[in-house]
């Protein structure tokens, strides 16, 4: 695991834009659990890196990659292998 330096990331609230094309519900209102360190918390608190050829979402606890979203000629590709769970807390009905 490499250590990231500085604050060159944005908070998870920016996930509402690019991930809205994939998720029906607002991802910023969801909770997620890191499969590496077990941290469970709001997706709005994750570290989002947008200065790459895509979006990389890292755990605020251990800095491991939770999600990757890349636009390719075939369409959007999502890798969520760093998350063990994602739960929508905005609709508790």
Protein backbone atom coordinates (compact mmCIF):
# COMPACT_ATOMS: atom_id res chain seq x y z
CA UNK A 1 0.00 0.00 0.00
CA UNK A 2 1.37 3.40 -0.94
CA UNK A 3 0.79 6.49 1.14
CA UNK A 4 -0.83 9.42 -0.62
CA UNK A 5 0.55 12.85 0.06
CA UNK A 6 -1.36 16.12 0.27
CA UNK A 7 -5.03 16.81 -0.21
CA UNK A 8 -5.36 16.43 -3.95
CA UNK A 9 -8.75 14.75 -3.56
CA UNK A 10 -12.33 15.92 -3.26
CA UNK A 11 -14.92 14.61 -0.82
CA UNK A 12 -17.50 12.03 -1.80
CA UNK A 13 -20.17 14.60 -2.59
CA UNK A 14 -18.74 14.83 -6.12
CA UNK A 15 -19.90 11.24 -6.73
CA UNK A 16 -23.40 12.52 -7.47
CA UNK A 17 -22.34 13.63 -10.95
CA UNK A 18 -20.42 10.86 -12.68
CA UNK A 19 -22.05 7.98 -10.82
CA UNK A 20 -25.59 9.26 -11.48
CA UNK A 21 -25.40 7.63 -14.91
CA UNK A 22 -25.08 4.19 -13.27
CA UNK A 23 -26.89 4.34 -9.93
CA UNK A 24 -30.61 5.09 -9.72
CA UNK A 25 -30.27 6.34 -6.14
CA UNK A 26 -27.97 9.12 -5.00
CA UNK A 27 -24.64 7.50 -4.11
CA UNK A 28 -23.75 10.42 -1.82
CA UNK A 29 -26.66 9.38 0.44
CA UNK A 30 -25.40 5.80 0.72
CA UNK A 31 -23.07 4.10 3.16
CA UNK A 32 -20.28 1.77 2.16
CA UNK A 33 -17.90 -0.64 3.83
CA UNK A 34 -14.26 -0.99 2.80
CA UNK A 35 -13.36 -4.63 2.15
CA UNK A 36 -9.74 -3.94 3.20
CA UNK A 37 -10.02 -2.25 6.61
CA UNK A 38 -13.73 -2.69 7.35
CA UNK A 39 -14.45 1.04 7.75
CA UNK A 40 -18.18 1.58 7.39
CA UNK A 41 -19.39 5.09 6.73
CA UNK A 42 -21.06 7.59 4.42
CA UNK A 43 -19.97 7.58 0.79
CA UNK A 44 -19.94 11.38 1.03
CA UNK A 45 -16.83 11.04 3.25
CA UNK A 46 -14.67 9.06 0.80
CA UNK A 47 -11.69 10.59 -1.01
CA UNK A 48 -12.41 11.11 -4.71
CA UNK A 49 -9.62 11.66 -7.25
CA UNK A 50 -10.75 13.15 -10.54
CA UNK A 51 -7.40 14.12 -12.10
CA UNK A 52 -7.00 10.81 -13.91
CA UNK A 53 -8.53 9.21 -16.95
CA UNK A 54 -11.56 8.42 -14.83
CA UNK A 55 -12.67 8.68 -11.23
CA UNK A 56 -10.88 6.85 -8.40
CA UNK A 57 -12.54 6.59 -4.98
CA UNK A 58 -10.37 5.73 -1.96
CA UNK A 59 -11.20 4.75 1.60
CA UNK A 60 -10.57 7.62 4.04
CA UNK A 61 -9.31 5.09 6.59
CA UNK A 62 -6.74 2.98 4.75
CA UNK A 63 -6.50 4.76 1.35
CA UNK A 64 -7.22 1.55 -0.60
CA UNK A 65 -9.24 1.89 -3.83
CA UNK A 66 -12.97 1.37 -3.31
CA UNK A 67 -14.33 2.28 -6.75
CA UNK A 68 -13.07 3.11 -10.22
CA UNK A 69 -15.20 4.63 -12.97
CA UNK A 70 -13.79 5.02 -16.48
CA UNK A 71 -15.43 6.08 -19.72
CA UNK A 72 -14.33 3.88 -22.62
CA UNK A 73 -15.44 3.61 -26.26
CA UNK A 74 -17.71 0.74 -25.13
CA UNK A 75 -19.32 2.86 -22.39
CA UNK A 76 -18.83 3.35 -18.66
CA UNK A 77 -16.85 0.71 -16.78
CA UNK A 78 -17.26 0.41 -13.01
CA UNK A 79 -15.02 -1.55 -10.65
CA UNK A 80 -16.40 -1.63 -7.11
CA UNK A 81 -14.24 -4.50 -5.88
CA UNK A 82 -12.94 -2.47 -2.92
CA UNK A 83 -16.41 -2.26 -1.36
CA UNK A 84 -17.84 -5.16 0.59
CA UNK A 85 -21.25 -3.45 0.93
CA UNK A 86 -23.13 -0.37 -0.26
CA UNK A 87 -26.44 0.56 1.34
CA UNK A 88 -28.94 3.23 0.33
CA UNK A 89 -29.93 5.08 3.49
CA UNK A 90 -32.01 7.76 1.74
CA UNK A 91 -35.04 5.49 1.36
CA UNK A 92 -35.82 3.70 4.62
CA UNK A 93 -39.38 2.67 3.68
